[in-house]
PDB file of N, CA and C in Angstrom:
ATOM      1  N   MET A   1     -17.940  -9.353 -16.418  1.00  0.00           N
ATOM      2  CA  MET A   1     -17.106  -9.189 -15.175  1.00  0.00           C
ATOM      3  C   MET A   1     -15.678  -9.710 -15.595  1.00  0.00           C
ATOM      4  N   LYS A   2     -14.676  -9.053 -14.783  1.00  0.00           N
ATOM      5  CA  LYS A   2     -13.322  -9.336 -15.079  1.00  0.00           C
ATOM      6  C   LYS A   2     -12.655  -9.702 -13.793  1.00  0.00           C
ATOM      7  N   LEU A   3     -11.685 -10.647 -13.896  1.00  0.00           N
ATOM      8  CA  LEU A   3     -10.694 -10.829 -12.652  1.00  0.00           C
ATOM      9  C   LEU A   3      -9.304 -10.129 -13.103  1.00  0.00           C
ATOM     10  N   ILE A   4      -8.944  -9.060 -12.270  1.00  0.00           N
ATOM     11  CA  ILE A   4      -7.630  -8.489 -12.520  1.00  0.00           C
ATOM     12  C   ILE A   4      -6.787  -9.146 -11.590  1.00  0.00           C
ATOM     13  N   THR A   5      -5.693  -9.487 -11.942  1.00  0.00           N
ATOM     14  CA  THR A   5      -4.577 -10.392 -11.049  1.00  0.00           C
ATOM     15  C   THR A   5      -3.332  -9.533 -11.321  1.00  0.00           C
ATOM     16  N   ALA A   6      -2.741  -8.858 -10.184  1.00  0.00           N
ATOM     17  CA  ALA A   6      -1.541  -8.206 -10.307  1.00  0.00           C
ATOM     18  C   ALA A   6      -0.471  -8.846  -9.502  1.00  0.00           C
ATOM     19  N   ILE A   7       0.706  -9.017 -10.030  1.00  0.00           N
ATOM     20  CA  ILE A   7       1.925  -9.370  -9.054  1.00  0.00           C
ATOM     21  C   ILE A   7       2.792  -8.149  -9.015  1.00  0.00           C
ATOM     22  N   ILE A   8       3.004  -7.613  -7.922  1.00  0.00           N
ATOM     23  CA  ILE A   8       3.750  -6.484  -7.795  1.00  0.00           C
ATOM     24  C   ILE A   8       4.751  -6.489  -6.741  1.00  0.00           C
ATOM     25  N   ARG A   9       5.720  -5.547  -6.612  1.00  0.00           N
ATOM     26  CA  ARG A   9       6.621  -5.281  -5.483  1.00  0.00           C
ATOM     27  C   ARG A   9       5.794  -5.125  -4.201  1.00  0.00           C
ATOM     28  N   THR A  10       6.319  -5.753  -3.050  1.00  0.00           N
ATOM     29  CA  THR A  10       5.582  -5.701  -1.968  1.00  0.00           C
ATOM     30  C   THR A  10       5.649  -4.234  -1.218  1.00  0.00           C
ATOM     31  N   ASP A  11       6.576  -3.543  -1.704  1.00  0.00           N
ATOM     32  CA  ASP A  11       6.479  -1.936  -1.130  1.00  0.00           C
ATOM     33  C   ASP A  11       5.422  -1.090  -1.734  1.00  0.00           C
ATOM     34  N   ASP A  12       5.003  -1.453  -2.862  1.00  0.00           N
ATOM     35  CA  ASP A  12       3.705  -0.931  -3.678  1.00  0.00           C
ATOM     36  C   ASP A  12       2.595  -1.307  -3.386  1.00  0.00           C
ATOM     37  N   LEU A  13       2.327  -2.167  -2.445  1.00  0.00           N
ATOM     38  CA  LEU A  13       0.901  -2.700  -2.255  1.00  0.00           C
ATOM     39  C   LEU A  13       0.033  -1.679  -1.605  1.00  0.00           C
ATOM     40  N   PRO A  14       0.468  -0.897  -0.639  1.00  0.00           N
ATOM     41  CA  PRO A  14      -0.456   0.073   0.003  1.00  0.00           C
ATOM     42  C   PRO A  14      -1.008   0.991  -1.113  1.00  0.00           C
ATOM     43  N   ALA A  15      -0.110   1.546  -1.722  1.00  0.00           N
ATOM     44  CA  ALA A  15      -0.443   2.543  -2.859  1.00  0.00           C
ATOM     45  C   ALA A  15      -1.310   1.978  -3.897  1.00  0.00           C
ATOM     46  N   VAL A  16      -1.081   0.696  -4.367  1.00  0.00           N
ATOM     47  CA  VAL A  16      -1.829  -0.137  -5.395  1.00  0.00           C
ATOM     48  C   VAL A  16      -3.230  -0.370  -4.780  1.00  0.00           C
ATOM     49  N   ILE A  17      -3.459  -0.632  -3.536  1.00  0.00           N
ATOM     50  CA  ILE A  17      -4.715  -0.859  -2.976  1.00  0.00           C
ATOM     51  C   ILE A  17      -5.460   0.454  -3.080  1.00  0.00           C
ATOM     52  N   ASN A  18      -5.038   1.666  -2.655  1.00  0.00           N
ATOM     53  CA  ASN A  18      -5.684   3.026  -2.742  1.00  0.00           C
ATOM     54  C   ASN A  18      -6.052   3.172  -4.194  1.00  0.00           C
ATOM     55  N   ALA A  19      -5.061   3.062  -5.203  1.00  0.00           N
ATOM     56  CA  ALA A  19      -5.248   3.456  -6.504  1.00  0.00           C
ATOM     57  C   ALA A  19      -6.488   2.555  -7.026  1.00  0.00           C
ATOM     58  N   ALA A  20      -6.441   1.244  -6.803  1.00  0.00           N
ATOM     59  CA  ALA A  20      -7.499   0.295  -7.352  1.00  0.00           C
ATOM     60  C   ALA A  20      -8.821   0.813  -6.827  1.00  0.00           C
ATOM     61  N   ALA A  21      -8.999   0.969  -5.526  1.00  0.00           N
ATOM     62  CA  ALA A  21     -10.231   1.584  -4.799  1.00  0.00           C
ATOM     63  C   ALA A  21     -10.715   2.796  -5.551  1.00  0.00           C
ATOM     64  N   ASP A  22      -9.753   3.700  -5.715  1.00  0.00           N
ATOM     65  CA  ASP A  22     -10.007   5.113  -6.409  1.00  0.00           C
ATOM     66  C   ASP A  22     -10.502   4.884  -7.779  1.00  0.00           C
ATOM     67  N   ALA A  23     -10.157   3.794  -8.548  1.00  0.00           N
ATOM     68  CA  ALA A  23     -10.390   3.570  -9.871  1.00  0.00           C
ATOM     69  C   ALA A  23     -11.779   2.762 -10.055  1.00  0.00           C
ATOM     70  N   GLY A  24     -12.253   2.354  -8.897  1.00  0.00           N
ATOM     71  CA  GLY A  24     -13.445   1.576  -9.051  1.00  0.00           C
ATOM     72  C   GLY A  24     -13.813   0.253  -8.290  1.00  0.00           C
ATOM     73  N   ALA A  25     -12.606  -0.217  -7.941  1.00  0.00           N
ATOM     74  CA  ALA A  25     -12.677  -1.529  -7.339  1.00  0.00           C
ATOM     75  C   ALA A  25     -13.446  -1.315  -6.252  1.00  0.00           C
ATOM     76  N   ARG A  26     -14.263  -2.432  -5.915  1.00  0.00           N
ATOM     77  CA  ARG A  26     -15.216  -2.201  -4.675  1.00  0.00           C
ATOM     78  C   ARG A  26     -14.748  -3.195  -3.618  1.00  0.00           C
ATOM     79  N   GLY A  27     -13.847  -3.886  -3.780  1.00  0.00           N
ATOM     80  CA  GLY A  27     -13.222  -4.900  -2.895  1.00  0.00           C
ATOM     81  C   GLY A  27     -12.010  -5.600  -3.534  1.00  0.00           C
ATOM     82  N   LEU A  28     -10.998  -6.224  -2.801  1.00  0.00           N
ATOM     83  CA  LEU A  28      -9.930  -6.781  -3.517  1.00  0.00           C
ATOM     84  C   LEU A  28      -9.299  -7.837  -2.395  1.00  0.00           C
ATOM     85  N   THR A  29      -8.691  -8.681  -2.949  1.00  0.00           N
ATOM     86  CA  THR A  29      -7.829  -9.655  -2.132  1.00  0.00           C
ATOM     87  C   THR A  29      -6.287  -9.238  -2.392  1.00  0.00           C
ATOM     88  N   ALA A  30      -5.700  -9.224  -1.193  1.00  0.00           N
ATOM     89  CA  ALA A  30      -4.128  -9.176  -1.297  1.00  0.00           C
ATOM     90  C   ALA A  30      -3.411 -10.345  -0.631  1.00  0.00           C
ATOM     91  N   SER A  31      -2.309 -10.749  -1.050  1.00  0.00           N
ATOM     92  CA  SER A  31      -1.711 -11.930  -0.345  1.00  0.00           C
ATOM     93  C   SER A  31      -0.085 -11.690  -0.611  1.00  0.00           C
ATOM     94  N   LYS A  32       0.656 -12.161   0.325  1.00  0.00           N
ATOM     95  CA  LYS A  32       2.139 -12.340   0.055  1.00  0.00           C
ATOM     96  C   LYS A  32       2.480 -13.491  -0.689  1.00  0.00           C
ATOM     97  N   THR A  33       3.376 -13.388  -1.652  1.00  0.00           N
ATOM     98  CA  THR A  33       3.803 -14.543  -2.373  1.00  0.00           C
ATOM     99  C   THR A  33       5.194 -14.511  -2.888  1.00  0.00           C
ATOM    100  N   SER A  34       5.726 -15.152  -3.689  1.00  0.00           N
ATOM    101  CA  SER A  34       7.015 -15.162  -4.363  1.00  0.00           C
ATOM    102  C   SER A  34       7.057 -15.822  -5.596  1.00  0.00           C
ATOM    103  N   GLY A  35       8.104 -15.329  -6.301  1.00  0.00           N
ATOM    104  CA  GLY A  35       8.301 -15.938  -7.678  1.00  0.00           C
ATOM    105  C   GLY A  35       9.411 -15.191  -8.384  1.00  0.00           C
ATOM    106  N   PHE A  36       9.505 -15.547  -9.736  1.00  0.00           N
ATOM    107  CA  PHE A  36      10.461 -15.027 -10.464  1.00  0.00           C
ATOM    108  C   PHE A  36       9.845 -14.778 -11.880  1.00  0.00           C
ATOM    109  N   GLY A  37      10.324 -13.857 -12.652  1.00  0.00           N
ATOM    110  CA  GLY A  37      10.120 -13.504 -14.034  1.00  0.00           C
ATOM    111  C   GLY A  37      11.069 -13.888 -14.938  1.00  0.00           C
ATOM    112  N   GLN A  38      11.010 -13.074 -16.097  1.00  0.00           N
ATOM    113  CA  GLN A  38      12.126 -13.214 -17.069  1.00  0.00           C
ATOM    114  C   GLN A  38      13.714 -13.367 -16.729  1.00  0.00           C
ATOM    115  N   GLN A  39      13.917 -12.537 -15.549  1.00  0.00           N
ATOM    116  CA  GLN A  39      15.215 -12.482 -15.224  1.00  0.00           C
ATOM    117  C   GLN A  39      15.510 -13.608 -14.114  1.00  0.00           C
ATOM    118  N   TYR A  40      14.589 -14.496 -13.801  1.00  0.00           N
ATOM    119  CA  TYR A  40      14.679 -15.604 -13.030  1.00  0.00           C
ATOM    120  C   TYR A  40      15.131 -15.118 -11.519  1.00  0.00           C
ATOM    121  N   GLY A  41      14.711 -13.926 -11.278  1.00  0.00           N
ATOM    122  CA  GLY A  41      14.816 -13.317  -9.953  1.00  0.00           C
ATOM    123  C   GLY A  41      16.222 -12.837  -9.612  1.00  0.00           C
ATOM    124  N   HIS A  42      17.074 -12.843 -10.880  1.00  0.00           N
ATOM    125  CA  HIS A  42      18.433 -12.303 -10.622  1.00  0.00           C
ATOM    126  C   HIS A  42      18.525 -10.875 -10.474  1.00  0.00           C
ATOM    127  N   VAL A  43      18.770 -10.333  -9.288  1.00  0.00           N
ATOM    128  CA  VAL A  43      18.875  -8.851  -9.199  1.00  0.00           C
ATOM    129  C   VAL A  43      20.276  -8.344  -8.692  1.00  0.00           C
ATOM    130  N   ARG A  44      21.145  -9.244  -8.652  1.00  0.00           N
ATOM    131  CA  ARG A  44      22.527  -9.018  -8.412  1.00  0.00           C
ATOM    132  C   ARG A  44      23.499 -10.001  -8.874  1.00  0.00           C
ATOM    133  N   GLN A  45      24.622  -9.262  -9.113  1.00  0.00           N
ATOM    134  CA  GLN A  45      25.640 -10.170  -9.990  1.00  0.00           C
ATOM    135  C   GLN A  45      26.120 -11.487  -9.273  1.00  0.00           C
ATOM    136  N   ALA A  46      25.835 -11.559  -8.077  1.00  0.00           N
ATOM    137  CA  ALA A  46      26.426 -12.816  -7.423  1.00  0.00           C
ATOM    138  C   ALA A  46      25.567 -14.110  -7.694  1.00  0.00           C
ATOM    139  N   ALA A  47      24.326 -13.877  -8.271  1.00  0.00           N
ATOM    140  CA  ALA A  47      23.366 -15.023  -8.416  1.00  0.00           C
ATOM    141  C   ALA A  47      23.939 -15.747  -9.626  1.00  0.00           C
ATOM    142  N   ARG A  48      24.006 -17.104  -9.568  1.00  0.00           N
ATOM    143  CA  ARG A  48      24.628 -17.978 -10.620  1.00  0.00           C
ATOM    144  C   ARG A  48      23.494 -18.102 -11.707  1.00  0.00           C
ATOM    145  N   ALA A  49      23.892 -18.037 -12.852  1.00  0.00           N
ATOM    146  CA  ALA A  49      23.124 -18.116 -14.024  1.00  0.00           C
ATOM    147  C   ALA A  49      22.446 -19.364 -14.106  1.00  0.00           C
ATOM    148  N   GLY A  50      21.178 -19.458 -14.583  1.00  0.00           N
ATOM    149  CA  GLY A  50      20.331 -20.495 -14.733  1.00  0.00           C
ATOM    150  C   GLY A  50      19.666 -21.062 -13.485  1.00  0.00           C
ATOM    151  N   GLN A  51      19.983 -20.564 -12.354  1.00  0.00           N
ATOM    152  CA  GLN A  51      19.229 -21.071 -11.165  1.00  0.00           C
ATOM    153  C   GLN A  51      18.277 -19.911 -10.605  1.00  0.00           C
ATOM    154  N   PRO A  52      16.888 -20.264 -10.835  1.00  0.00           N
ATOM    155  CA  PRO A  52      15.961 -19.261 -10.423  1.00  0.00           C
ATOM    156  C   PRO A  52      15.890 -18.813  -8.873  1.00  0.00           C
ATOM    157  N   ILE A  53      15.801 -17.604  -8.663  1.00  0.00           N
ATOM    158  CA  ILE A  53      15.564 -17.226  -7.307  1.00  0.00           C
ATOM    159  C   ILE A  53      14.255 -16.781  -6.859  1.00  0.00           C
ATOM    160  N   LEU A  54      13.485 -17.179  -5.977  1.00  0.00           N
ATOM    161  CA  LEU A  54      12.167 -16.607  -5.646  1.00  0.00           C
ATOM    162  C   LEU A  54      12.319 -15.297  -5.006  1.00  0.00           C
ATOM    163  N   LEU A  55      11.686 -14.206  -5.494  1.00  0.00           N
ATOM    164  CA  LEU A  55      11.829 -12.933  -4.709  1.00  0.00           C
ATOM    165  C   LEU A  55      10.284 -12.691  -4.176  1.00  0.00           C
ATOM    166  N   PRO A  56      10.524 -11.977  -2.893  1.00  0.00           N
ATOM    167  CA  PRO A  56       9.017 -11.535  -2.364  1.00  0.00           C
ATOM    168  C   PRO A  56       8.272 -10.815  -3.309  1.00  0.00           C
ATOM    169  N   LYS A  57       6.908 -11.072  -3.383  1.00  0.00           N
ATOM    170  CA  LYS A  57       5.855 -10.260  -4.222  1.00  0.00           C
ATOM    171  C   LYS A  57       4.685 -10.095  -3.449  1.00  0.00           C
ATOM    172  N   ALA A  58       3.864  -9.262  -3.896  1.00  0.00           N
ATOM    173  CA  ALA A  58       2.515  -9.141  -3.441  1.00  0.00           C
ATOM    174  C   ALA A  58       1.613  -9.492  -4.736  1.00  0.00           C
ATOM    175  N   ARG A  59       0.504 -10.227  -4.329  1.00  0.00           N
ATOM    176  CA  ARG A  59      -0.536 -10.558  -5.460  1.00  0.00           C
ATOM    177  C   ARG A  59      -1.757  -9.736  -5.008  1.00  0.00           C
ATOM    178  N   VAL A  60      -2.351  -9.061  -6.059  1.00  0.00           N
ATOM    179  CA  VAL A  60      -3.587  -8.508  -5.758  1.00  0.00           C
ATOM    180  C   VAL A  60      -4.580  -9.121  -6.719  1.00  0.00           C
ATOM    181  N   ASP A  61      -5.781  -9.501  -6.320  1.00  0.00           N
ATOM    182  CA  ASP A  61      -6.898  -9.878  -7.128  1.00  0.00           C
ATOM    183  C   ASP A  61      -8.121  -9.112  -6.753  1.00  0.00           C
ATOM    184  N   VAL A  62      -8.692  -8.712  -7.927  1.00  0.00           N
ATOM    185  CA  VAL A  62      -9.907  -7.752  -7.965  1.00  0.00           C
ATOM    186  C   VAL A  62     -10.781  -8.198  -8.998  1.00  0.00           C
ATOM    187  N   VAL A  63     -12.104  -8.426  -8.599  1.00  0.00           N
ATOM    188  CA  VAL A  63     -13.247  -8.745  -9.599  1.00  0.00           C
ATOM    189  C   VAL A  63     -13.958  -7.323  -9.698  1.00  0.00           C
ATOM    190  N   VAL A  64     -14.248  -6.991 -10.984  1.00  0.00           N
ATOM    191  CA  VAL A  64     -14.670  -5.727 -11.405  1.00  0.00           C
ATOM    192  C   VAL A  64     -15.715  -5.898 -12.552  1.00  0.00           C
ATOM    193  N   ARG A  65     -16.626  -5.009 -12.580  1.00  0.00           N
ATOM    194  CA  ARG A  65     -17.578  -4.883 -13.719  1.00  0.00           C
ATOM    195  C   ARG A  65     -16.613  -4.665 -15.238  1.00  0.00           C
ATOM    196  N   ASP A  66     -17.083  -5.042 -16.244  1.00  0.00           N
ATOM    197  CA  ASP A  66     -16.356  -4.850 -17.401  1.00  0.00           C
ATOM    198  C   ASP A  66     -16.013  -3.540 -17.788  1.00  0.00           C
ATOM    199  N   GLU A  67     -16.960  -2.654 -17.391  1.00  0.00           N
ATOM    200  CA  GLU A  67     -16.670  -1.133 -17.662  1.00  0.00           C
ATOM    201  C   GLU A  67     -15.612  -0.495 -16.825  1.00  0.00           C
ATOM    202  N   ASP A  68     -15.419  -1.167 -15.789  1.00  0.00           N
ATOM    203  CA  ASP A  68     -14.211  -0.658 -14.764  1.00  0.00           C
ATOM    204  C   ASP A  68     -12.908  -1.327 -15.053  1.00  0.00           C
ATOM    205  N   ALA A  69     -12.900  -2.319 -15.556  1.00  0.00           N
ATOM    206  CA  ALA A  69     -11.555  -2.974 -15.943  1.00  0.00           C
ATOM    207  C   ALA A  69     -10.415  -2.323 -16.467  1.00  0.00           C
ATOM    208  N   ASP A  70     -10.523  -1.523 -17.433  1.00  0.00           N
ATOM    209  CA  ASP A  70      -9.402  -0.702 -17.957  1.00  0.00           C
ATOM    210  C   ASP A  70      -8.941   0.253 -16.903  1.00  0.00           C
ATOM    211  N   ALA A  71     -10.016   0.936 -16.248  1.00  0.00           N
ATOM    212  CA  ALA A  71      -9.529   2.027 -15.369  1.00  0.00           C
ATOM    213  C   ALA A  71      -8.745   1.476 -14.166  1.00  0.00           C
ATOM    214  N   VAL A  72      -9.113   0.272 -13.731  1.00  0.00           N
ATOM    215  CA  VAL A  72      -8.406  -0.254 -12.548  1.00  0.00           C
ATOM    216  C   VAL A  72      -7.046  -0.858 -13.044  1.00  0.00           C
ATOM    217  N   VAL A  73      -6.970  -1.496 -14.342  1.00  0.00           N
ATOM    218  CA  VAL A  73      -5.511  -1.948 -14.588  1.00  0.00           C
ATOM    219  C   VAL A  73      -4.672  -0.788 -14.849  1.00  0.00           C
ATOM    220  N   ASN A  74      -5.247   0.175 -15.452  1.00  0.00           N
ATOM    221  CA  ASN A  74      -4.459   1.490 -15.750  1.00  0.00           C
ATOM    222  C   ASN A  74      -3.923   2.245 -14.356  1.00  0.00           C
ATOM    223  N   ALA A  75      -4.844   2.194 -13.320  1.00  0.00           N
ATOM    224  CA  ALA A  75      -4.407   2.602 -11.980  1.00  0.00           C
ATOM    225  C   ALA A  75      -3.355   1.857 -11.392  1.00  0.00           C
ATOM    226  N   ILE A  76      -3.532   0.419 -11.544  1.00  0.00           N
ATOM    227  CA  ILE A  76      -2.335  -0.457 -10.705  1.00  0.00           C
ATOM    228  C   ILE A  76      -1.200  -0.169 -11.563  1.00  0.00           C
ATOM    229  N   GLN A  77      -1.110  -0.156 -12.877  1.00  0.00           N
ATOM    230  CA  GLN A  77       0.087  -0.147 -13.724  1.00  0.00           C
ATOM    231  C   GLN A  77       0.813   1.145 -13.349  1.00  0.00           C
ATOM    232  N   LYS A  78       0.032   2.324 -13.381  1.00  0.00           N
ATOM    233  CA  LYS A  78       0.713   3.689 -13.075  1.00  0.00           C
ATOM    234  C   LYS A  78       1.214   3.474 -11.641  1.00  0.00           C
ATOM    235  N   CYS A  79       0.527   3.072 -10.659  1.00  0.00           N
ATOM    236  CA  CYS A  79       1.041   3.181  -9.415  1.00  0.00           C
ATOM    237  C   CYS A  79       2.212   2.257  -9.151  1.00  0.00           C
ATOM    238  N   ALA A  80       2.364   1.172  -9.775  1.00  0.00           N
ATOM    239  CA  ALA A  80       3.174   0.040  -9.490  1.00  0.00           C
ATOM    240  C   ALA A  80       4.553   0.148 -10.237  1.00  0.00           C
ATOM    241  N   SER A  81       4.379   1.032 -11.318  1.00  0.00           N
ATOM    242  CA  SER A  81       5.574   1.025 -12.365  1.00  0.00           C
ATOM    243  C   SER A  81       6.612   2.003 -11.802  1.00  0.00           C
ATOM    244  N   THR A  82       8.125   1.300 -11.875  1.00  0.00           N
ATOM    245  CA  THR A  82       9.113   2.115 -11.372  1.00  0.00           C
ATOM    246  C   THR A  82       9.991   2.303 -12.635  1.00  0.00           C
ATOM    247  N   GLY A  83       9.736   1.628 -13.669  1.00  0.00           N
ATOM    248  CA  GLY A  83      10.487   1.513 -14.841  1.00  0.00           C
ATOM    249  C   GLY A  83      11.817   0.358 -14.761  1.00  0.00           C
ATOM    250  N   SER A  84      11.697  -0.337 -13.629  1.00  0.00           N
ATOM    251  CA  SER A  84      12.833  -1.243 -13.468  1.00  0.00           C
ATOM    252  C   SER A  84      12.291  -2.785 -13.678  1.00  0.00           C
ATOM    253  N   ILE A  85      13.413  -3.430 -13.835  1.00  0.00           N
ATOM    254  CA  ILE A  85      13.052  -4.967 -13.911  1.00  0.00           C
ATOM    255  C   ILE A  85      12.395  -5.289 -12.537  1.00  0.00           C
ATOM    256  N   GLY A  86      11.428  -6.179 -12.518  1.00  0.00           N
ATOM    257  CA  GLY A  86      10.865  -6.636 -11.347  1.00  0.00           C
ATOM    258  C   GLY A  86       9.756  -5.925 -10.922  1.00  0.00           C
ATOM    259  N   ASP A  87       9.075  -5.012 -11.710  1.00  0.00           N
ATOM    260  CA  ASP A  87       7.923  -4.153 -11.415  1.00  0.00           C
ATOM    261  C   ASP A  87       6.809  -4.971 -11.412  1.00  0.00           C
ATOM    262  N   GLY A  88       6.598  -6.288 -12.221  1.00  0.00           N
ATOM    263  CA  GLY A  88       5.453  -7.207 -11.993  1.00  0.00           C
ATOM    264  C   GLY A  88       4.653  -7.356 -13.305  1.00  0.00           C
ATOM    265  N   LYS A  89       3.452  -8.088 -13.064  1.00  0.00           N
ATOM    266  CA  LYS A  89       2.761  -8.288 -14.255  1.00  0.00           C
ATOM    267  C   LYS A  89       1.201  -8.020 -13.782  1.00  0.00           C
ATOM    268  N   ILE A  90       0.293  -7.737 -14.806  1.00  0.00           N
ATOM    269  CA  ILE A  90      -0.951  -7.601 -14.580  1.00  0.00           C
ATOM    270  C   ILE A  90      -1.783  -8.471 -15.667  1.00  0.00           C
ATOM    271  N   TRP A  91      -2.792  -9.345 -15.276  1.00  0.00           N
ATOM    272  CA  TRP A  91      -3.462 -10.028 -16.239  1.00  0.00           C
ATOM    273  C   TRP A  91      -4.931  -9.972 -16.030  1.00  0.00           C
ATOM    274  N   VAL A  92      -5.666  -9.968 -17.065  1.00  0.00           N
ATOM    275  CA  VAL A  92      -7.122  -9.855 -16.878  1.00  0.00           C
ATOM    276  C   VAL A  92      -7.808 -11.388 -17.470  1.00  0.00           C
ATOM    277  N   SER A  93      -8.674 -11.794 -16.670  1.00  0.00           N
ATOM    278  CA  SER A  93      -9.520 -12.945 -16.999  1.00  0.00           C
ATOM    279  C   SER A  93     -10.922 -12.726 -16.967  1.00  0.00           C
ATOM    280  N   PRO A  94     -11.739 -13.395 -17.832  1.00  0.00           N
ATOM    281  CA  PRO A  94     -13.209 -13.484 -17.750  1.00  0.00           C
ATOM    282  C   PRO A  94     -13.654 -13.988 -16.447  1.00  0.00           C
ATOM    283  N   VAL A  95     -14.809 -13.610 -15.760  1.00  0.00           N
ATOM    284  CA  VAL A  95     -15.376 -14.262 -14.740  1.00  0.00           C
ATOM    285  C   VAL A  95     -16.873 -14.536 -15.175  1.00  0.00           C
ATOM    286  N   GLU A  96     -17.105 -15.852 -15.147  1.00  0.00           N
ATOM    287  CA  GLU A  96     -18.534 -16.344 -15.496  1.00  0.00           C
ATOM    288  C   GLU A  96     -19.531 -15.822 -14.466  1.00  0.00           C
ATOM    289  N   HIS A  97     -19.324 -16.165 -13.213  1.00  0.00           N
ATOM    290  CA  HIS A  97     -20.358 -15.994 -12.141  1.00  0.00           C
ATOM    291  C   HIS A  97     -19.547 -15.468 -10.746  1.00  0.00           C
ATOM    292  N   VAL A  98     -20.211 -14.633  -9.961  1.00  0.00           N
ATOM    293  CA  VAL A  98     -19.925 -14.315  -8.691  1.00  0.00           C
ATOM    294  C   VAL A  98     -21.245 -14.343  -7.799  1.00  0.00           C
ATOM    295  N   VAL A  99     -20.944 -14.911  -6.603  1.00  0.00           N
ATOM    296  CA  VAL A  99     -22.029 -15.173  -5.720  1.00  0.00           C
ATOM    297  C   VAL A  99     -21.663 -14.501  -4.387  1.00  0.00           C
ATOM    298  N   ARG A 100     -22.306 -13.616  -3.752  1.00  0.00           N
ATOM    299  CA  ARG A 100     -22.049 -13.018  -2.590  1.00  0.00           C
ATOM    300  C   ARG A 100     -22.617 -14.012  -1.461  1.00  0.00           C
ATOM    301  N   VAL A 101     -21.742 -14.680  -0.813  1.00  0.00           N
ATOM    302  CA  VAL A 101     -22.136 -15.755   0.163  1.00  0.00           C
ATOM    303  C   VAL A 101     -23.206 -15.233   1.250  1.00  0.00           C
ATOM    304  N   ARG A 102     -23.100 -14.094   1.702  1.00  0.00           N
ATOM    305  CA  ARG A 102     -23.914 -13.569   2.892  1.00  0.00           C
ATOM    306  C   ARG A 102     -25.446 -13.556   2.283  1.00  0.00           C
ATOM    307  N   THR A 103     -25.623 -12.951   1.042  1.00  0.00           N
ATOM    308  CA  THR A 103     -26.900 -12.643   0.777  1.00  0.00           C
ATOM    309  C   THR A 103     -27.471 -13.379  -0.543  1.00  0.00           C
ATOM    310  N   GLY A 104     -26.543 -14.287  -1.147  1.00  0.00           N
ATOM    311  CA  GLY A 104     -26.899 -14.835  -2.376  1.00  0.00           C
ATOM    312  C   GLY A 104     -26.950 -14.129  -3.633  1.00  0.00           C
ATOM    313  N   GLU A 105     -26.572 -12.919  -3.450  1.00  0.00           N
ATOM    314  CA  GLU A 105     -26.684 -11.965  -4.818  1.00  0.00           C
ATOM    315  C   GLU A 105     -25.623 -12.584  -5.700  1.00  0.00           C
ATOM    316  N   ARG A 106     -26.033 -12.484  -6.999  1.00  0.00           N
ATOM    317  CA  ARG A 106     -25.123 -12.980  -8.013  1.00  0.00           C
ATOM    318  C   ARG A 106     -24.758 -11.775  -9.063  1.00  0.00           C
ATOM    319  N   ASP A 107     -23.483 -12.366  -9.582  1.00  0.00           N
ATOM    320  CA  ASP A 107     -22.943 -11.509 -10.662  1.00  0.00           C
ATOM    321  C   ASP A 107     -22.628  -9.983 -10.449  1.00  0.00           C
ATOM    322  N   GLY A 108     -23.312  -9.200 -11.211  1.00  0.00           N
ATOM    323  CA  GLY A 108     -23.228  -7.627 -11.009  1.00  0.00           C
ATOM    324  C   GLY A 108     -23.416  -7.133  -9.782  1.00  0.00           C
ATOM    325  N   ALA A 109     -24.619  -7.719  -9.073  1.00  0.00           N
ATOM    326  CA  ALA A 109     -25.172  -7.250  -7.799  1.00  0.00           C
ATOM    327  C   ALA A 109     -24.153  -7.734  -6.739  1.00  0.00           C
ATOM    328  N   ALA A 110     -23.433  -8.699  -7.113  1.00  0.00           N
ATOM    329  CA  ALA A 110     -22.525  -9.262  -6.018  1.00  0.00           C
ATOM    330  C   ALA A 110     -21.136  -8.749  -6.070  1.00  0.00           C
ATOM    331  N   VAL A 111     -20.850  -7.907  -7.237  1.00  0.00           N
ATOM    332  CA  VAL A 111     -19.616  -7.254  -7.275  1.00  0.00           C
ATOM    333  C   VAL A 111     -19.676  -5.942  -6.650  1.00  0.00           C
TER     334      VAL A 111
END
């Protein structure tokens, strides 16, 4: 199993949710967050160099089976890409165990 985490533009969230679901995600978590990347959040000339600016972003976390990971990552990337600075990042981490709280199902059955 894999945990896919994507930091994206807030405007892209609805489309990313649909794309992830269409690519095999059976559930996900989305939240509002803020941060900066390589440009330190500088999107306008008035920003002072060296002073990071936190920009509003959305975070999407999805746990998927190994065989679905590439499809979900590709769907998120395609949907969130504008070709501009600030499109975001996606990373994939291994997941050791998952437990469905309601039933006690574990791992693949819980995803």
